[in-house]
N, C-alpha and C. Protein backbone atom coordinates (compact mmCIF):
# COMPACT_ATOMS: atom_id res chain seq x y z
N MET A 1 -12.04 281.54 -212.29
CA MET A 1 -11.39 280.58 -211.33
C MET A 1 -12.34 279.76 -210.61
N ALA A 2 -12.06 278.41 -210.45
CA ALA A 2 -13.00 277.59 -209.79
C ALA A 2 -12.19 276.81 -208.70
N GLU A 3 -12.80 276.40 -207.72
CA GLU A 3 -12.33 275.74 -206.56
C GLU A 3 -13.11 274.54 -206.11
N LEU A 4 -12.25 273.50 -205.62
CA LEU A 4 -13.04 272.35 -205.10
C LEU A 4 -12.27 272.04 -203.76
N ASP A 5 -13.05 271.89 -202.69
CA ASP A 5 -12.55 271.58 -201.31
C ASP A 5 -13.04 270.12 -201.01
N VAL A 6 -12.03 269.35 -200.64
CA VAL A 6 -12.41 267.95 -200.22
C VAL A 6 -11.51 267.62 -198.98
N LEU A 7 -11.85 266.54 -198.36
CA LEU A 7 -11.02 265.87 -197.40
C LEU A 7 -9.97 265.22 -198.23
N ALA A 8 -8.72 265.36 -197.76
CA ALA A 8 -7.55 264.72 -198.47
C ALA A 8 -7.56 263.12 -198.14
N LEU A 9 -8.45 262.53 -199.03
CA LEU A 9 -8.73 261.13 -198.79
C LEU A 9 -8.46 260.50 -200.19
N ARG A 10 -7.87 259.36 -200.29
CA ARG A 10 -7.69 258.68 -201.59
C ARG A 10 -8.94 258.51 -202.32
N GLU A 11 -10.03 258.02 -201.58
CA GLU A 11 -11.21 257.78 -202.21
C GLU A 11 -11.92 259.04 -202.89
N ASN A 12 -11.38 260.22 -202.61
CA ASN A 12 -11.96 261.39 -203.24
C ASN A 12 -11.25 261.76 -204.51
N LEU A 13 -10.29 260.95 -204.95
CA LEU A 13 -9.69 261.14 -206.22
C LEU A 13 -10.59 261.30 -207.45
N PRO A 14 -11.70 260.43 -207.48
CA PRO A 14 -12.67 260.60 -208.65
C PRO A 14 -13.27 261.89 -208.68
N GLU A 15 -13.61 262.40 -207.47
CA GLU A 15 -14.19 263.73 -207.44
C GLU A 15 -13.28 264.81 -207.93
N VAL A 16 -12.08 264.70 -207.45
CA VAL A 16 -11.00 265.72 -207.91
C VAL A 16 -10.87 265.60 -209.41
N LEU A 17 -10.63 264.51 -209.94
CA LEU A 17 -10.47 264.33 -211.51
C LEU A 17 -11.72 264.71 -212.29
N GLY A 18 -12.95 264.50 -211.65
CA GLY A 18 -14.11 264.98 -212.40
C GLY A 18 -14.19 266.44 -212.41
N PHE A 19 -13.79 267.10 -211.35
CA PHE A 19 -13.81 268.61 -211.25
C PHE A 19 -12.88 269.20 -212.21
N VAL A 20 -11.58 268.67 -212.30
CA VAL A 20 -10.56 269.16 -213.17
C VAL A 20 -10.99 268.89 -214.61
N ASP A 21 -11.51 267.72 -214.96
CA ASP A 21 -11.98 267.44 -216.32
C ASP A 21 -13.24 268.35 -216.80
N ALA A 22 -13.98 268.54 -215.83
CA ALA A 22 -15.17 269.56 -216.11
C ALA A 22 -14.63 270.90 -216.51
N GLN A 23 -13.48 271.41 -215.87
CA GLN A 23 -13.07 272.68 -216.22
C GLN A 23 -12.41 272.63 -217.61
N LEU A 24 -11.65 271.53 -217.81
CA LEU A 24 -10.96 271.32 -219.17
C LEU A 24 -11.91 271.30 -220.28
N ALA A 25 -13.03 270.61 -219.96
CA ALA A 25 -14.00 270.39 -221.08
C ALA A 25 -14.57 271.70 -221.64
N LYS A 26 -14.55 272.68 -220.92
CA LYS A 26 -15.07 274.09 -221.31
C LYS A 26 -14.15 274.58 -222.42
N PHE A 27 -13.02 274.01 -222.67
CA PHE A 27 -12.06 274.59 -223.55
C PHE A 27 -11.69 273.54 -224.78
N ASN A 28 -12.44 272.53 -224.90
CA ASN A 28 -12.32 271.48 -225.95
C ASN A 28 -10.85 270.98 -226.00
N CYS A 29 -10.33 270.65 -224.81
CA CYS A 29 -8.97 270.11 -224.74
C CYS A 29 -8.99 268.73 -225.44
N SER A 30 -7.86 268.35 -226.00
CA SER A 30 -7.73 267.04 -226.62
C SER A 30 -7.69 265.99 -225.50
N ARG A 31 -8.01 264.77 -225.88
CA ARG A 31 -7.98 263.63 -224.94
C ARG A 31 -6.67 263.45 -224.41
N LYS A 32 -5.57 263.65 -225.28
CA LYS A 32 -4.26 263.44 -224.86
C LYS A 32 -3.84 264.46 -223.79
N THR A 33 -4.19 265.78 -223.91
CA THR A 33 -3.86 266.77 -222.99
C THR A 33 -4.66 266.56 -221.67
N ILE A 34 -5.88 266.13 -221.77
CA ILE A 34 -6.56 265.79 -220.53
C ILE A 34 -6.07 264.68 -219.74
N THR A 35 -5.58 263.64 -220.53
CA THR A 35 -5.01 262.52 -219.87
C THR A 35 -3.73 262.86 -219.10
N THR A 36 -2.83 263.63 -219.84
CA THR A 36 -1.58 264.12 -219.35
C THR A 36 -1.83 264.91 -217.99
N ILE A 37 -2.79 265.81 -218.09
CA ILE A 37 -3.12 266.63 -216.87
C ILE A 37 -3.69 265.66 -215.78
N ASP A 38 -4.56 264.77 -216.14
CA ASP A 38 -5.16 263.89 -215.14
C ASP A 38 -3.99 262.93 -214.50
N VAL A 39 -3.00 262.48 -215.23
CA VAL A 39 -2.01 261.88 -214.47
C VAL A 39 -1.26 262.69 -213.41
N ALA A 40 -0.98 263.86 -213.85
CA ALA A 40 -0.21 264.79 -212.98
C ALA A 40 -1.15 265.05 -211.76
N VAL A 41 -2.42 265.39 -211.92
CA VAL A 41 -3.33 265.59 -210.85
C VAL A 41 -3.37 264.49 -209.94
N GLU A 42 -3.59 263.25 -210.47
CA GLU A 42 -3.60 261.98 -209.69
C GLU A 42 -2.38 261.90 -208.83
N GLU A 43 -1.11 262.08 -209.45
CA GLU A 43 0.11 261.91 -208.61
C GLU A 43 0.19 262.96 -207.51
N ILE A 44 -0.15 264.15 -207.76
CA ILE A 44 -0.03 265.21 -206.68
C ILE A 44 -1.19 264.96 -205.62
N TYR A 45 -2.41 264.71 -206.06
CA TYR A 45 -3.51 264.57 -205.10
C TYR A 45 -3.30 263.37 -204.10
N ILE A 46 -2.88 262.25 -204.81
CA ILE A 46 -2.63 260.98 -203.88
C ILE A 46 -1.46 261.32 -202.94
N ASN A 47 -0.48 261.91 -203.42
CA ASN A 47 0.65 262.32 -202.41
C ASN A 47 0.08 263.10 -201.23
N ILE A 48 -0.80 264.16 -201.48
CA ILE A 48 -1.37 264.93 -200.37
C ILE A 48 -2.16 264.03 -199.59
N ALA A 49 -3.07 263.20 -200.13
CA ALA A 49 -3.92 262.23 -199.34
C ALA A 49 -3.10 261.20 -198.58
N SER A 50 -1.92 260.82 -199.02
CA SER A 50 -1.10 259.87 -198.33
C SER A 50 -0.11 260.35 -197.34
N TYR A 51 0.31 261.63 -197.49
CA TYR A 51 1.35 262.01 -196.68
C TYR A 51 1.11 263.38 -195.96
N ALA A 52 0.35 264.29 -196.42
CA ALA A 52 0.31 265.65 -195.88
C ALA A 52 -0.17 265.69 -194.48
N TYR A 53 -1.00 264.74 -194.04
CA TYR A 53 -1.58 264.88 -192.64
C TYR A 53 -1.39 263.66 -191.93
N ASP A 54 -0.64 262.76 -192.41
CA ASP A 54 -0.42 261.44 -191.89
C ASP A 54 -0.06 261.43 -190.40
N PRO A 55 -0.80 260.78 -189.53
CA PRO A 55 -1.80 259.79 -189.68
C PRO A 55 -3.10 260.38 -189.75
N GLN A 56 -3.36 261.64 -189.56
CA GLN A 56 -4.67 262.35 -189.53
C GLN A 56 -5.12 262.56 -190.93
N VAL A 57 -6.28 263.19 -191.03
CA VAL A 57 -6.91 263.76 -192.28
C VAL A 57 -7.20 265.15 -192.30
N GLY A 58 -6.98 265.77 -193.23
CA GLY A 58 -7.29 267.36 -193.38
C GLY A 58 -7.81 267.66 -194.71
N PRO A 59 -8.04 268.93 -194.96
CA PRO A 59 -8.58 269.47 -196.22
C PRO A 59 -7.52 269.61 -197.17
N ALA A 60 -8.05 269.49 -198.52
CA ALA A 60 -7.23 269.81 -199.58
C ALA A 60 -8.11 270.68 -200.48
N THR A 61 -7.50 271.68 -201.17
CA THR A 61 -8.23 272.58 -202.11
C THR A 61 -7.68 272.39 -203.41
N ILE A 62 -8.32 272.31 -204.52
CA ILE A 62 -7.84 272.23 -205.88
C ILE A 62 -8.44 273.47 -206.60
N ARG A 63 -7.57 274.31 -207.02
CA ARG A 63 -8.01 275.55 -207.70
C ARG A 63 -7.66 275.47 -209.16
N THR A 64 -8.58 275.79 -210.02
CA THR A 64 -8.16 275.85 -211.44
C THR A 64 -8.43 277.25 -211.98
N GLU A 65 -7.56 277.60 -212.91
CA GLU A 65 -7.74 279.02 -213.57
C GLU A 65 -7.23 278.77 -214.96
N ILE A 66 -8.04 279.44 -215.84
CA ILE A 66 -7.69 279.28 -217.23
C ILE A 66 -7.20 280.76 -217.69
N VAL A 67 -6.03 280.84 -218.31
CA VAL A 67 -5.50 282.12 -218.72
C VAL A 67 -5.59 282.05 -220.20
N GLN A 68 -5.70 283.16 -220.88
CA GLN A 68 -5.81 283.16 -222.33
C GLN A 68 -4.49 283.33 -223.14
N GLU A 69 -3.54 284.07 -222.65
CA GLU A 69 -2.30 284.31 -223.41
C GLU A 69 -1.08 283.83 -222.72
N PRO A 70 -0.61 282.58 -223.14
CA PRO A 70 -1.14 281.66 -224.03
C PRO A 70 -2.28 280.88 -223.34
N LEU A 71 -3.15 280.33 -224.10
CA LEU A 71 -4.28 279.51 -223.36
C LEU A 71 -3.67 278.41 -222.71
N SER A 72 -3.80 278.44 -221.28
CA SER A 72 -3.30 277.59 -220.41
C SER A 72 -4.17 277.33 -219.20
N VAL A 73 -4.00 276.22 -218.49
CA VAL A 73 -4.66 275.89 -217.26
C VAL A 73 -3.67 276.02 -216.20
N ILE A 74 -4.07 276.59 -215.15
CA ILE A 74 -3.26 276.69 -213.92
C ILE A 74 -3.96 275.97 -212.86
N LEU A 75 -3.29 274.89 -212.27
CA LEU A 75 -3.98 274.08 -211.29
C LEU A 75 -3.12 274.24 -209.89
N SER A 76 -3.79 274.68 -208.85
CA SER A 76 -3.02 274.83 -207.50
C SER A 76 -3.56 273.76 -206.61
N PHE A 77 -2.72 273.07 -205.91
CA PHE A 77 -3.16 272.10 -204.88
C PHE A 77 -2.72 272.70 -203.56
N ILE A 78 -3.64 272.94 -202.57
CA ILE A 78 -3.33 273.57 -201.37
C ILE A 78 -3.78 272.71 -200.22
N ASP A 79 -2.73 272.55 -199.31
CA ASP A 79 -3.12 271.71 -198.01
C ASP A 79 -2.51 272.33 -196.92
N GLY A 80 -2.96 272.09 -195.69
CA GLY A 80 -2.40 272.65 -194.40
C GLY A 80 -1.59 271.55 -193.71
N GLY A 81 -1.16 270.54 -194.43
CA GLY A 81 -0.31 269.57 -193.84
C GLY A 81 1.12 269.97 -193.48
N VAL A 82 1.88 268.87 -193.26
CA VAL A 82 3.31 269.12 -192.84
C VAL A 82 3.98 269.92 -194.03
N PRO A 83 4.67 271.00 -193.78
CA PRO A 83 5.38 271.64 -194.83
C PRO A 83 6.40 270.76 -195.64
N TYR A 84 6.13 270.74 -196.92
CA TYR A 84 6.97 269.79 -197.75
C TYR A 84 6.91 270.36 -199.28
N ASP A 85 8.18 270.56 -199.64
CA ASP A 85 8.45 271.02 -201.00
C ASP A 85 8.98 269.81 -201.88
N PRO A 86 8.05 269.21 -202.66
CA PRO A 86 8.49 268.17 -203.47
C PRO A 86 9.45 268.47 -204.59
N LEU A 87 9.56 269.71 -204.82
CA LEU A 87 10.50 270.20 -205.89
C LEU A 87 11.99 270.13 -205.43
N ALA A 88 12.19 270.20 -204.04
CA ALA A 88 13.50 270.23 -203.47
C ALA A 88 14.16 269.04 -203.64
N LYS A 89 13.64 267.85 -203.70
CA LYS A 89 14.25 266.59 -203.79
C LYS A 89 14.90 266.51 -205.19
N PRO A 90 16.13 265.94 -205.33
CA PRO A 90 16.76 265.82 -206.57
C PRO A 90 16.00 264.88 -207.51
N ASP A 91 16.02 265.19 -208.87
CA ASP A 91 15.44 264.26 -209.79
C ASP A 91 16.14 262.79 -209.68
N PRO A 92 15.38 261.85 -209.87
CA PRO A 92 16.00 260.32 -209.99
C PRO A 92 16.86 260.39 -211.12
N VAL A 93 17.91 259.51 -211.01
CA VAL A 93 18.87 259.33 -212.07
C VAL A 93 18.29 257.96 -212.72
N LEU A 94 17.67 258.16 -213.91
CA LEU A 94 16.98 257.00 -214.53
C LEU A 94 17.81 255.96 -215.09
N HIS A 95 19.08 256.30 -215.39
CA HIS A 95 19.89 255.15 -215.89
C HIS A 95 20.60 254.34 -214.84
N THR A 96 20.35 254.74 -213.57
CA THR A 96 20.76 254.00 -212.44
C THR A 96 19.95 252.63 -212.30
N PRO A 97 20.44 251.54 -212.03
CA PRO A 97 19.59 250.34 -211.77
C PRO A 97 18.59 250.53 -210.75
N LEU A 98 17.44 249.99 -211.00
CA LEU A 98 16.24 250.24 -210.09
C LEU A 98 16.58 249.86 -208.63
N GLN A 99 17.37 248.87 -208.45
CA GLN A 99 17.61 248.42 -207.02
C GLN A 99 18.63 249.39 -206.32
N LEU A 100 19.29 250.20 -207.07
CA LEU A 100 20.19 251.19 -206.50
C LEU A 100 19.64 252.64 -206.25
N ARG A 101 18.52 252.86 -206.94
CA ARG A 101 17.81 254.19 -206.94
C ARG A 101 17.22 254.45 -205.48
N ARG A 102 17.27 255.73 -205.13
CA ARG A 102 16.59 256.16 -203.86
C ARG A 102 15.07 255.97 -204.14
N ARG A 103 14.39 255.60 -203.02
CA ARG A 103 12.90 255.49 -203.15
C ARG A 103 12.18 256.76 -203.26
N GLY A 104 11.09 256.88 -204.05
CA GLY A 104 10.32 258.06 -204.30
C GLY A 104 10.92 259.08 -205.20
N GLY A 105 10.04 260.08 -205.54
CA GLY A 105 10.47 261.11 -206.42
C GLY A 105 10.16 260.89 -207.89
N LEU A 106 9.83 259.63 -208.39
CA LEU A 106 9.56 259.49 -209.65
C LEU A 106 8.42 260.14 -210.25
N GLY A 107 7.24 260.14 -209.34
CA GLY A 107 5.98 260.75 -209.77
C GLY A 107 6.15 262.26 -209.88
N ILE A 108 6.76 262.97 -209.02
CA ILE A 108 6.92 264.48 -209.19
C ILE A 108 7.83 264.77 -210.39
N PHE A 109 8.86 263.84 -210.58
CA PHE A 109 9.69 263.99 -211.83
C PHE A 109 8.83 263.88 -213.05
N MET A 110 7.93 263.00 -213.10
CA MET A 110 7.05 262.90 -214.26
C MET A 110 6.17 264.10 -214.42
N VAL A 111 5.75 264.70 -213.24
CA VAL A 111 4.88 265.88 -213.40
C VAL A 111 5.67 267.06 -213.90
N LYS A 112 6.92 267.15 -213.56
CA LYS A 112 7.80 268.25 -213.91
C LYS A 112 8.11 268.09 -215.50
N LYS A 113 8.29 266.94 -215.94
CA LYS A 113 8.53 266.68 -217.40
C LYS A 113 7.29 266.82 -218.27
N THR A 114 6.09 266.71 -217.73
CA THR A 114 4.88 266.76 -218.65
C THR A 114 4.27 268.08 -218.54
N MET A 115 4.41 268.84 -217.49
CA MET A 115 3.78 270.18 -217.37
C MET A 115 4.71 271.18 -217.89
N ASP A 116 4.03 272.42 -218.20
CA ASP A 116 4.97 273.53 -218.72
C ASP A 116 5.62 274.31 -217.57
N ASP A 117 5.04 274.26 -216.42
CA ASP A 117 5.65 274.99 -215.27
C ASP A 117 5.16 274.29 -214.02
N VAL A 118 6.00 274.12 -213.05
CA VAL A 118 5.70 273.60 -211.66
C VAL A 118 6.35 274.39 -210.65
N SER A 119 5.61 274.87 -209.66
CA SER A 119 6.13 275.70 -208.55
C SER A 119 5.59 275.36 -207.32
N TYR A 120 6.31 275.71 -206.19
CA TYR A 120 5.90 275.40 -204.80
C TYR A 120 6.10 276.51 -203.96
N GLU A 121 5.24 276.87 -203.17
CA GLU A 121 5.42 277.82 -201.99
C GLU A 121 4.74 277.35 -200.68
N TYR A 122 5.27 277.82 -199.56
CA TYR A 122 4.65 277.53 -198.35
C TYR A 122 4.36 278.99 -197.89
N LYS A 123 2.94 279.20 -197.62
CA LYS A 123 2.48 280.51 -197.44
C LYS A 123 1.27 280.40 -196.40
N ASP A 124 1.39 281.17 -195.47
CA ASP A 124 0.21 281.27 -194.38
C ASP A 124 -0.04 279.85 -193.91
N GLY A 125 0.88 279.03 -193.55
CA GLY A 125 0.67 277.69 -193.13
C GLY A 125 0.13 276.68 -194.04
N LYS A 126 0.25 277.01 -195.38
CA LYS A 126 -0.27 276.13 -196.48
C LYS A 126 0.84 275.79 -197.37
N ASN A 127 0.81 274.47 -197.81
CA ASN A 127 1.58 274.03 -198.98
C ASN A 127 0.88 274.43 -200.19
N ILE A 128 1.44 275.07 -201.19
CA ILE A 128 0.77 275.36 -202.46
C ILE A 128 1.69 274.80 -203.59
N LEU A 129 1.24 273.84 -204.27
CA LEU A 129 1.87 273.33 -205.45
C LEU A 129 1.15 273.78 -206.67
N THR A 130 1.71 274.38 -207.51
CA THR A 130 1.00 274.83 -208.70
C THR A 130 1.70 274.26 -210.05
N ILE A 131 0.79 273.82 -210.79
CA ILE A 131 1.22 273.27 -212.16
C ILE A 131 0.51 274.13 -213.26
N THR A 132 1.19 274.21 -214.30
CA THR A 132 0.60 274.97 -215.52
C THR A 132 0.82 274.12 -216.85
N LYS A 133 -0.30 274.08 -217.58
CA LYS A 133 -0.12 273.25 -218.79
C LYS A 133 -0.70 274.07 -219.85
N ASN A 134 0.06 274.36 -220.96
CA ASN A 134 -0.30 275.16 -222.15
C ASN A 134 -1.44 274.34 -222.90
N LEU A 135 -2.46 274.82 -223.30
CA LEU A 135 -3.46 274.16 -223.99
C LEU A 135 -3.47 274.24 -225.45
N GLU A 136 -2.53 275.17 -226.04
CA GLU A 136 -2.56 275.39 -227.44
C GLU A 136 -1.47 274.57 -228.07
C-alpha cells in the first residue's frame, strides 16, 4: 500500500496523477488502462479540491493498493470535508435533452461505468471514496 497526502488544491492534480501512474507502472499496465484510471482519478480529485472544503482548503489522501487475485488496483480518496456521498445522487438520464438535465453527476456516472467497483463510506469524520479497477 502507498499513500500520498496533499492539500486539496486543483494545482496538485499533476502530483496526484504522477503518484497513481508510478504505482501502476510497477505492473506494466496498458496505456488504455492507465488513461481510464487517470480520468477517474482526475474527476474524483478535482471534485474534492473544488467542493470538499469550500471555501477553505484541507488535506486529501490518495491511497493505492494492489491485490493479486484478481490483479487489481484499489484507489481510496480520503478527505475531511463536508460529508458527501456522490453515489447517492441518481445517475443522469442520458437520453434527456441537455437543457433539461439536472446539473452535475455526469463525472461520477462515468467513474461508475469505467471502474469495476465504486464505494463510499463516511467514517471517523472522513469521506472515503474507493474505486477498483481490474488490471487483467
